[in-house]
N, C-alpha and C. Protein backbone atom coordinates (compact mmCIF):
# COMPACT_ATOMS: atom_id res chain seq x y z
N MET A 1 -12.82 3.58 -14.70
CA MET A 1 -11.82 4.26 -15.06
C MET A 1 -10.25 4.06 -14.52
N VAL A 2 -9.21 3.65 -15.28
CA VAL A 2 -7.96 3.11 -14.51
C VAL A 2 -6.94 4.41 -15.12
N HIS A 3 -5.87 4.97 -13.87
CA HIS A 3 -5.20 5.86 -13.91
C HIS A 3 -3.93 5.21 -13.84
N TYR A 4 -2.79 5.32 -15.08
CA TYR A 4 -1.36 4.99 -14.79
C TYR A 4 -0.30 6.03 -14.48
N TYR A 5 0.28 5.15 -13.39
CA TYR A 5 1.51 6.20 -12.74
C TYR A 5 2.58 5.99 -12.85
N GLN A 6 3.67 6.30 -13.78
CA GLN A 6 5.13 5.77 -13.71
C GLN A 6 5.51 6.48 -12.31
N SER A 7 5.63 5.32 -11.41
CA SER A 7 6.72 5.42 -9.99
C SER A 7 8.07 4.82 -10.49
N PRO A 8 8.97 5.11 -9.10
CA PRO A 8 10.30 4.95 -9.26
C PRO A 8 10.33 3.43 -9.28
N ILE A 9 9.28 2.48 -8.58
CA ILE A 9 9.29 1.22 -8.60
C ILE A 9 8.06 0.44 -9.53
N GLY A 10 7.97 1.38 -10.51
CA GLY A 10 6.99 0.91 -11.42
C GLY A 10 5.52 1.42 -11.64
N ILE A 11 4.81 0.29 -12.51
CA ILE A 11 3.92 1.18 -12.84
C ILE A 11 2.54 1.18 -11.95
N ILE A 12 1.73 2.41 -11.56
CA ILE A 12 0.79 1.84 -10.34
C ILE A 12 -0.28 2.13 -11.43
N ALA A 13 -1.17 1.34 -11.21
CA ALA A 13 -2.25 1.29 -11.74
C ALA A 13 -3.71 1.46 -10.89
N THR A 14 -4.16 2.69 -10.65
CA THR A 14 -5.32 3.17 -9.32
C THR A 14 -6.40 3.03 -10.52
N THR A 15 -7.41 2.31 -9.85
CA THR A 15 -9.09 2.17 -10.47
C THR A 15 -9.70 2.89 -9.79
N ILE A 16 -10.52 3.84 -10.34
CA ILE A 16 -11.28 5.25 -9.98
C ILE A 16 -12.78 4.95 -10.58
N LYS A 17 -13.77 4.79 -9.47
CA LYS A 17 -15.27 4.61 -9.62
C LYS A 17 -15.73 5.81 -8.79
N ASN A 18 -16.41 6.60 -9.69
CA ASN A 18 -17.57 7.73 -9.07
C ASN A 18 -16.34 8.10 -7.99
N ASP A 19 -15.03 8.81 -8.69
CA ASP A 19 -14.51 9.86 -8.22
C ASP A 19 -14.02 9.23 -6.68
N LYS A 20 -13.48 7.89 -6.62
CA LYS A 20 -13.27 7.59 -5.64
C LYS A 20 -12.11 6.02 -5.84
N VAL A 21 -11.20 6.05 -5.41
CA VAL A 21 -9.83 4.90 -5.66
C VAL A 21 -10.82 3.69 -5.27
N THR A 22 -10.67 2.78 -5.89
CA THR A 22 -11.18 1.41 -5.50
C THR A 22 -10.38 0.35 -5.49
N ASN A 23 -9.25 0.56 -5.98
CA ASN A 23 -7.98 -0.74 -6.26
C ASN A 23 -6.71 0.15 -6.47
N ILE A 24 -5.56 -0.23 -6.26
CA ILE A 24 -4.44 0.19 -6.68
C ILE A 24 -3.47 -0.83 -6.50
N SER A 25 -2.75 -1.21 -7.68
CA SER A 25 -1.63 -2.41 -7.96
C SER A 25 -0.90 -1.84 -8.46
N PHE A 26 0.46 -2.81 -8.74
CA PHE A 26 2.12 -2.52 -9.27
C PHE A 26 1.78 -2.92 -10.60
N GLY A 27 2.29 -2.92 -11.71
CA GLY A 27 2.65 -3.54 -12.51
C GLY A 27 4.33 -3.19 -13.14
N ASP A 28 4.19 -4.02 -14.34
CA ASP A 28 5.47 -4.18 -14.81
C ASP A 28 5.15 -3.83 -16.56
N GLU A 29 3.78 -3.30 -17.17
CA GLU A 29 3.98 -3.13 -18.41
C GLU A 29 3.81 -1.82 -18.59
N ASP A 30 3.68 -1.52 -20.29
CA ASP A 30 3.52 0.04 -20.35
C ASP A 30 2.74 0.59 -20.18
N ILE A 31 2.96 2.10 -19.84
CA ILE A 31 0.83 2.47 -19.82
C ILE A 31 0.29 2.60 -20.84
N PRO A 32 -0.88 2.19 -21.04
CA PRO A 32 -1.44 2.65 -22.34
C PRO A 32 -1.06 4.08 -22.28
N THR A 33 -1.23 4.61 -23.62
CA THR A 33 -1.79 6.01 -23.80
C THR A 33 -3.12 6.41 -24.01
N ASP A 34 -3.88 5.88 -24.49
CA ASP A 34 -5.33 5.68 -24.83
C ASP A 34 -6.29 6.36 -23.70
N VAL A 35 -5.79 5.63 -22.65
CA VAL A 35 -7.03 5.58 -21.35
C VAL A 35 -6.44 6.77 -20.67
N GLN A 36 -5.79 7.61 -20.48
CA GLN A 36 -5.64 8.79 -19.73
C GLN A 36 -6.45 9.67 -19.71
N SER A 37 -6.99 10.17 -18.72
CA SER A 37 -8.01 10.99 -18.34
C SER A 37 -7.67 12.47 -17.93
N GLU A 38 -7.80 13.46 -17.78
CA GLU A 38 -7.35 15.05 -17.05
C GLU A 38 -8.56 15.09 -16.16
N SER A 39 -9.56 14.20 -15.42
CA SER A 39 -10.40 14.44 -14.51
C SER A 39 -9.37 15.10 -13.07
N PRO A 40 -10.32 15.62 -12.50
CA PRO A 40 -9.73 16.39 -11.35
C PRO A 40 -9.29 15.03 -10.48
N ILE A 41 -10.12 13.73 -10.19
CA ILE A 41 -9.02 12.88 -9.44
C ILE A 41 -8.17 12.28 -10.13
N PHE A 42 -7.83 12.00 -11.17
CA PHE A 42 -6.61 11.51 -11.71
C PHE A 42 -5.44 12.48 -11.80
N LYS A 43 -5.64 13.85 -11.39
CA LYS A 43 -4.65 15.12 -11.24
C LYS A 43 -4.63 14.72 -9.56
N GLU A 44 -5.36 14.55 -8.86
CA GLU A 44 -4.85 14.69 -7.81
C GLU A 44 -4.13 13.19 -7.36
N VAL A 45 -4.38 12.13 -7.96
CA VAL A 45 -3.71 11.09 -7.86
C VAL A 45 -2.19 10.97 -8.32
N THR A 46 -1.87 11.83 -9.02
CA THR A 46 -0.73 11.74 -9.88
C THR A 46 0.28 13.07 -8.84
N GLU A 47 -0.65 13.83 -8.71
CA GLU A 47 0.23 14.91 -7.85
C GLU A 47 0.60 14.31 -6.28
N GLN A 48 0.04 13.48 -5.82
CA GLN A 48 -0.06 12.87 -4.79
C GLN A 48 0.96 11.54 -4.66
N TYR A 49 1.02 11.12 -5.67
CA TYR A 49 1.80 10.04 -5.73
C TYR A 49 3.25 10.60 -6.06
N THR A 50 3.26 11.70 -6.59
CA THR A 50 4.59 12.14 -7.16
C THR A 50 5.24 12.63 -6.27
N ALA A 51 4.49 13.38 -5.31
CA ALA A 51 4.72 13.90 -4.10
C ALA A 51 5.61 13.13 -2.77
N TYR A 52 4.54 12.09 -2.84
CA TYR A 52 5.16 10.61 -1.86
C TYR A 52 6.44 10.09 -2.28
N PHE A 53 6.47 9.97 -3.79
CA PHE A 53 7.71 9.11 -3.90
C PHE A 53 8.99 10.46 -4.19
N LYS A 54 8.87 11.69 -3.58
CA LYS A 54 9.71 12.80 -3.59
C LYS A 54 10.35 13.01 -2.17
N GLY A 55 9.54 12.26 -1.35
CA GLY A 55 9.75 12.16 -0.14
C GLY A 55 9.17 13.91 0.58
N GLU A 56 8.12 13.94 -0.46
CA GLU A 56 7.54 15.50 0.14
C GLU A 56 6.26 15.36 0.75
N ARG A 57 5.69 14.03 0.92
CA ARG A 57 4.45 13.35 1.28
C ARG A 57 4.36 12.28 2.20
N GLN A 58 4.01 12.04 3.64
CA GLN A 58 3.92 11.34 4.08
C GLN A 58 2.76 10.25 4.20
N LYS A 59 1.81 10.63 3.73
CA LYS A 59 0.53 9.81 3.29
C LYS A 59 -0.52 10.41 2.79
N LEU A 60 -0.86 9.47 1.79
CA LEU A 60 -1.63 9.70 0.98
C LEU A 60 -3.10 9.96 1.33
N SER A 61 -3.88 11.22 0.96
CA SER A 61 -5.04 11.01 1.46
C SER A 61 -6.15 11.42 0.24
N LEU A 62 -6.06 10.25 -0.35
CA LEU A 62 -6.94 10.15 -1.73
C LEU A 62 -8.31 9.64 -1.27
N PRO A 63 -9.74 10.24 -1.58
CA PRO A 63 -10.88 9.64 -1.20
C PRO A 63 -10.74 8.01 -1.95
N TYR A 64 -11.54 7.38 -1.34
CA TYR A 64 -11.46 5.75 -1.65
C TYR A 64 -13.06 5.16 -1.10
N SER A 65 -12.86 4.19 -1.61
CA SER A 65 -13.97 2.99 -1.62
C SER A 65 -13.77 2.01 -1.57
N ILE A 66 -13.70 1.10 -0.62
CA ILE A 66 -13.83 -0.37 -0.70
C ILE A 66 -14.68 -1.16 -0.84
N GLN A 67 -14.88 -1.67 -2.16
CA GLN A 67 -15.60 -2.68 -2.74
C GLN A 67 -15.96 -4.18 -2.30
N LYS A 68 -14.37 -4.84 -1.96
CA LYS A 68 -14.94 -5.68 -1.24
C LYS A 68 -14.23 -6.06 -0.38
N GLY A 69 -14.08 -7.24 0.73
CA GLY A 69 -13.57 -7.60 1.76
C GLY A 69 -14.89 -7.84 2.85
N THR A 70 -14.02 -8.63 3.64
CA THR A 70 -14.86 -9.25 5.05
C THR A 70 -15.10 -7.93 6.26
N ASP A 71 -15.54 -8.33 6.92
CA ASP A 71 -15.61 -7.19 8.11
C ASP A 71 -14.25 -7.22 8.86
N PHE A 72 -13.97 -8.58 9.15
CA PHE A 72 -12.19 -8.73 9.46
C PHE A 72 -11.10 -8.23 8.66
N GLN A 73 -11.23 -8.46 7.25
CA GLN A 73 -10.47 -7.70 6.40
C GLN A 73 -10.00 -6.31 6.46
N LYS A 74 -11.35 -5.77 6.79
CA LYS A 74 -11.71 -4.51 6.48
C LYS A 74 -10.83 -4.09 8.21
N LYS A 75 -11.47 -4.54 9.14
CA LYS A 75 -10.55 -4.02 10.32
C LYS A 75 -9.16 -4.09 10.50
N ILE A 76 -8.47 -5.13 9.93
CA ILE A 76 -7.32 -5.64 9.69
C ILE A 76 -6.54 -3.81 8.50
N TRP A 77 -6.94 -4.05 7.63
CA TRP A 77 -6.71 -2.60 7.21
C TRP A 77 -6.82 -1.32 7.65
N GLU A 78 -8.18 -0.98 8.46
CA GLU A 78 -8.15 0.26 9.01
C GLU A 78 -6.94 0.26 10.23
N ILE A 79 -6.29 -0.99 10.81
CA ILE A 79 -5.28 -0.79 11.74
C ILE A 79 -4.08 -0.52 11.24
N VAL A 80 -3.89 -1.19 10.20
CA VAL A 80 -2.58 -0.41 9.44
C VAL A 80 -2.72 0.59 8.72
N SER A 81 -3.70 1.22 8.36
CA SER A 81 -4.03 2.32 7.86
C SER A 81 -3.19 3.63 9.05
N THR A 82 -3.17 3.07 10.27
CA THR A 82 -2.56 3.73 11.27
C THR A 82 -1.06 3.48 11.54
N ILE A 83 -0.41 2.65 10.61
CA ILE A 83 1.19 2.85 10.84
C ILE A 83 1.77 3.47 10.57
N PRO A 84 2.30 4.65 11.27
CA PRO A 84 2.80 5.57 10.97
C PRO A 84 4.08 5.44 9.73
N TYR A 85 3.94 6.75 8.91
CA TYR A 85 5.38 6.55 7.79
C TYR A 85 6.58 6.71 8.55
N GLY A 86 7.44 5.80 7.68
CA GLY A 86 8.70 5.30 8.57
C GLY A 86 8.85 4.29 9.64
N SER A 87 7.57 3.79 10.05
CA SER A 87 7.53 2.58 10.99
C SER A 87 7.23 1.56 10.52
N THR A 88 7.40 0.44 11.08
CA THR A 88 6.89 -0.84 10.69
C THR A 88 6.06 -1.58 11.87
N ARG A 89 5.24 -2.61 11.77
CA ARG A 89 4.58 -3.33 12.60
C ARG A 89 4.75 -4.98 12.36
N THR A 90 4.64 -5.83 13.36
CA THR A 90 4.76 -7.27 12.69
C THR A 90 3.46 -7.79 12.81
N TYR A 91 3.04 -8.70 11.60
CA TYR A 91 1.98 -9.53 11.88
C TYR A 91 1.51 -9.87 13.08
N LYS A 92 2.64 -10.53 14.27
CA LYS A 92 2.29 -10.59 15.50
C LYS A 92 1.58 -9.69 16.28
N GLN A 93 2.33 -8.42 15.82
CA GLN A 93 1.29 -7.18 16.56
C GLN A 93 0.13 -6.93 16.58
N ILE A 94 -0.11 -6.72 15.08
CA ILE A 94 -1.27 -6.54 14.74
C ILE A 94 -2.33 -7.70 15.33
N ALA A 95 -2.02 -9.06 15.31
CA ALA A 95 -2.56 -9.70 15.62
C ALA A 95 -2.99 -9.73 17.44
N ILE A 96 -2.05 -9.17 18.29
CA ILE A 96 -2.11 -8.81 19.87
C ILE A 96 -3.05 -7.93 20.02
N GLN A 97 -2.95 -6.95 18.66
CA GLN A 97 -3.51 -5.49 19.01
C GLN A 97 -5.10 -5.89 18.61
N LEU A 98 -5.46 -7.06 17.74
CA LEU A 98 -6.87 -7.43 17.71
C LEU A 98 -7.14 -8.38 18.86
N GLY A 99 -6.24 -8.54 20.04
CA GLY A 99 -6.65 -9.42 20.89
C GLY A 99 -6.37 -11.01 21.07
N ASP A 100 -5.95 -11.52 19.90
CA ASP A 100 -5.60 -12.41 20.07
C ASP A 100 -4.60 -13.03 18.66
N VAL A 101 -3.08 -13.42 19.40
CA VAL A 101 -1.96 -13.97 19.19
C VAL A 101 -1.88 -15.02 18.25
N LYS A 102 -3.40 -15.88 18.24
CA LYS A 102 -3.36 -16.81 17.22
C LYS A 102 -4.07 -16.69 15.88
N LYS A 103 -4.27 -15.37 15.70
CA LYS A 103 -4.67 -15.04 14.52
C LYS A 103 -3.82 -14.58 13.70
N VAL A 104 -2.61 -14.53 13.64
CA VAL A 104 -1.30 -14.19 13.07
C VAL A 104 -1.38 -14.29 11.18
N ARG A 105 -1.77 -16.00 11.23
CA ARG A 105 -2.26 -15.77 9.68
C ARG A 105 -3.20 -15.47 9.02
N ALA A 106 -4.49 -15.37 9.94
CA ALA A 106 -5.46 -14.49 9.45
C ALA A 106 -5.12 -13.23 8.93
N VAL A 107 -4.17 -12.50 9.71
CA VAL A 107 -3.89 -10.98 9.30
C VAL A 107 -2.72 -11.13 8.61
N GLY A 108 -2.27 -12.17 8.16
CA GLY A 108 -1.61 -11.99 6.78
C GLY A 108 -2.17 -12.32 5.79
N THR A 109 -3.41 -13.17 5.56
CA THR A 109 -4.12 -13.16 4.63
C THR A 109 -5.03 -11.80 4.22
N ALA A 110 -5.41 -11.28 5.45
CA ALA A 110 -6.14 -10.29 5.25
C ALA A 110 -5.38 -9.12 4.29
N ILE A 111 -4.07 -8.95 5.20
CA ILE A 111 -2.96 -8.09 4.71
C ILE A 111 -2.82 -8.02 3.35
N GLY A 112 -2.59 -9.69 2.61
CA GLY A 112 -2.57 -10.05 1.35
C GLY A 112 -3.46 -9.64 0.36
N ALA A 113 -4.82 -9.36 1.04
CA ALA A 113 -5.97 -8.76 0.29
C ALA A 113 -6.06 -7.78 0.00
N ASN A 114 -5.41 -6.56 0.68
CA ASN A 114 -5.56 -5.30 0.84
C ASN A 114 -5.49 -4.65 -0.48
N PRO A 115 -6.44 -4.09 -0.99
CA PRO A 115 -6.96 -3.65 -2.64
C PRO A 115 -6.55 -2.24 -2.88
N LEU A 116 -5.90 -1.91 -1.82
CA LEU A 116 -5.78 -0.57 -2.07
C LEU A 116 -3.76 -0.12 -1.18
N LEU A 117 -3.14 -0.48 -1.99
CA LEU A 117 -1.52 -0.60 -1.73
C LEU A 117 -0.95 0.69 -2.06
N VAL A 118 -0.04 0.58 -1.11
CA VAL A 118 0.32 2.17 -0.84
C VAL A 118 -0.49 3.33 0.03
N LEU A 119 -2.00 3.32 -0.27
CA LEU A 119 -2.63 3.95 0.31
C LEU A 119 -3.14 3.63 1.87
N ILE A 120 -3.54 2.17 1.75
CA ILE A 120 -3.31 1.45 3.05
C ILE A 120 -2.03 0.50 2.86
N PRO A 121 -1.50 1.39 4.00
CA PRO A 121 0.32 0.92 3.53
C PRO A 121 0.81 -0.34 4.61
N CYS A 122 0.09 -1.57 3.42
CA CYS A 122 0.82 -2.94 4.29
C CYS A 122 1.87 -3.28 3.86
N HIS A 123 2.98 -2.25 2.88
CA HIS A 123 4.31 -2.80 3.33
C HIS A 123 4.98 -2.32 4.75
N ARG A 124 4.50 -1.67 5.25
CA ARG A 124 4.90 -1.50 6.86
C ARG A 124 4.73 -2.59 7.47
N VAL A 125 4.37 -3.64 7.18
CA VAL A 125 3.99 -4.96 7.91
C VAL A 125 5.00 -5.88 7.36
N ILE A 126 5.55 -6.60 8.55
CA ILE A 126 6.95 -7.12 8.54
C ILE A 126 6.92 -8.38 9.40
N GLY A 127 7.63 -8.93 9.18
CA GLY A 127 7.40 -10.59 9.92
C GLY A 127 8.31 -10.33 10.85
N SER A 128 8.26 -11.27 12.12
CA SER A 128 8.82 -11.06 13.50
C SER A 128 9.85 -10.86 13.91
N GLY A 129 10.91 -11.33 12.82
CA GLY A 129 12.34 -11.50 12.69
C GLY A 129 12.66 -10.17 12.16
N GLY A 130 12.05 -9.15 11.79
CA GLY A 130 12.34 -8.14 11.14
C GLY A 130 12.17 -8.36 9.49
N ASN A 131 12.39 -9.73 9.08
CA ASN A 131 12.34 -9.81 7.74
C ASN A 131 11.18 -9.50 6.75
N LEU A 132 11.37 -9.26 5.60
CA LEU A 132 10.48 -8.70 4.47
C LEU A 132 9.54 -9.70 4.20
N VAL A 133 8.23 -10.10 4.21
CA VAL A 133 7.67 -11.22 3.94
C VAL A 133 6.18 -10.58 3.51
N GLY A 134 5.83 -11.14 2.24
CA GLY A 134 4.55 -10.92 1.42
C GLY A 134 4.17 -9.96 1.43
N TYR A 135 4.25 -9.59 0.12
CA TYR A 135 3.97 -8.13 -0.20
C TYR A 135 3.12 -8.36 -1.47
N ALA A 136 2.15 -7.71 -1.55
CA ALA A 136 1.30 -8.12 -3.36
C ALA A 136 1.86 -7.53 -4.45
N GLY A 137 2.46 -6.32 -4.22
CA GLY A 137 3.30 -5.73 -5.11
C GLY A 137 4.75 -5.92 -5.63
N GLY A 138 5.18 -7.28 -4.52
CA GLY A 138 6.51 -7.73 -4.62
C GLY A 138 7.46 -7.30 -3.50
N LEU A 139 8.32 -8.20 -3.25
CA LEU A 139 9.08 -7.89 -2.31
C LEU A 139 10.02 -6.52 -2.30
N GLU A 140 10.80 -6.55 -3.59
CA GLU A 140 11.64 -5.63 -3.87
C GLU A 140 11.00 -4.40 -3.87
N ARG A 141 9.40 -4.40 -4.30
CA ARG A 141 8.88 -3.34 -3.97
C ARG A 141 8.60 -2.97 -2.76
N LYS A 142 8.31 -3.64 -1.68
CA LYS A 142 8.05 -3.73 -0.48
C LYS A 142 9.44 -3.10 0.19
N LYS A 143 10.56 -3.53 -0.29
CA LYS A 143 11.79 -2.93 -0.13
C LYS A 143 12.23 -1.51 -0.28
N LYS A 144 11.69 -1.06 -1.19
CA LYS A 144 12.02 0.28 -1.69
C LYS A 144 11.28 0.95 -1.34
N LEU A 145 9.98 0.73 -0.80
CA LEU A 145 8.74 1.70 -0.19
C LEU A 145 9.71 1.82 0.88
N LEU A 146 9.84 0.54 1.73
CA LEU A 146 10.44 1.12 3.22
C LEU A 146 12.04 2.05 3.17
N GLN A 147 12.41 1.57 2.47
CA GLN A 147 13.64 2.50 2.22
C GLN A 147 13.31 4.08 2.03
N LEU A 148 12.31 4.26 1.19
CA LEU A 148 12.23 5.73 0.86
C LEU A 148 11.34 6.35 1.98
N GLU A 149 10.71 5.29 2.89
CA GLU A 149 10.23 6.08 4.28
C GLU A 149 11.05 5.91 5.38
N GLY A 150 12.20 5.45 5.41
CA GLY A 150 13.09 5.51 6.13
C GLY A 150 13.18 4.39 7.25
N ALA A 151 12.32 3.61 6.82
CA ALA A 151 11.91 2.28 8.24
C ALA A 151 12.97 1.57 8.05
N ILE A 152 13.65 1.07 6.82
CA ILE A 152 14.82 0.32 6.85
C ILE A 152 16.06 1.09 6.56
N SER A 153 17.52 0.63 6.52
CA SER A 153 18.24 1.28 5.95
C SER A 153 18.92 -0.01 4.76
N GLN A 154 19.96 0.75 4.08
CA GLN A 154 20.45 -0.28 3.23
C GLN A 154 20.92 -1.43 4.18
N LYS A 155 21.58 -1.24 5.02
CA LYS A 155 22.28 -2.22 5.98
C LYS A 155 21.38 -3.12 6.02
N GLU A 156 19.96 -3.00 6.90
CA GLU A 156 19.35 -3.74 7.10
C GLU A 156 18.40 -4.91 6.11
N LEU A 157 18.77 -4.43 4.88
CA LEU A 157 17.95 -5.25 4.18
C LEU A 157 18.90 -6.82 3.94
N PHE A 158 17.52 -7.89 3.52
CA PHE A 158 18.65 -9.31 3.74
C PHE A 158 19.53 -9.43 2.64
C-alpha cells in the first residue's frame, strides 16, 4: 500500500509492506483520494512527517525494511543514517570513513539509489565545495530540507 503525504516540499509517497516502510519518494502529482488508509502505520507516518516539517522532530523513527540494494549500498545508507540533524557530510568524507577516498563516485551512486528518502537522510550529503549536488528528490527539495534543519542558511544557497 502507498501512503501519500502533502509536505511543504511536495507529495511524499511512502510504500508500506507488512507494516514497514519499503520506499519513500517525492512526487508532484495530486494525492489519490481513493487509496488512503486508516491503518496505524499510516497514522504514524503522517504524525512523524508533520512533526518533522514543523521542526518538532529531528529524526524519523519509522519501522522499515530495505528490499533491495547491495551490501555496499546498505553500508553507505547505514553511514548516512548517522549524519545528525542540522549537519552535512561530503561524499569524500563518507568515502574516507569507508577507508578509500577513491570510492567517492561509488558512494555517490549508492546514495543516489537510496530507497528511503528523508528516513535515510541522504539530503545531508553535499559536494566537497559545499555545493548541493545529486538528490533523487531534486535539488530544490534538498535545499529546502537542509534549510528546514538549519544546515544551510539563505545566504549559503547557490
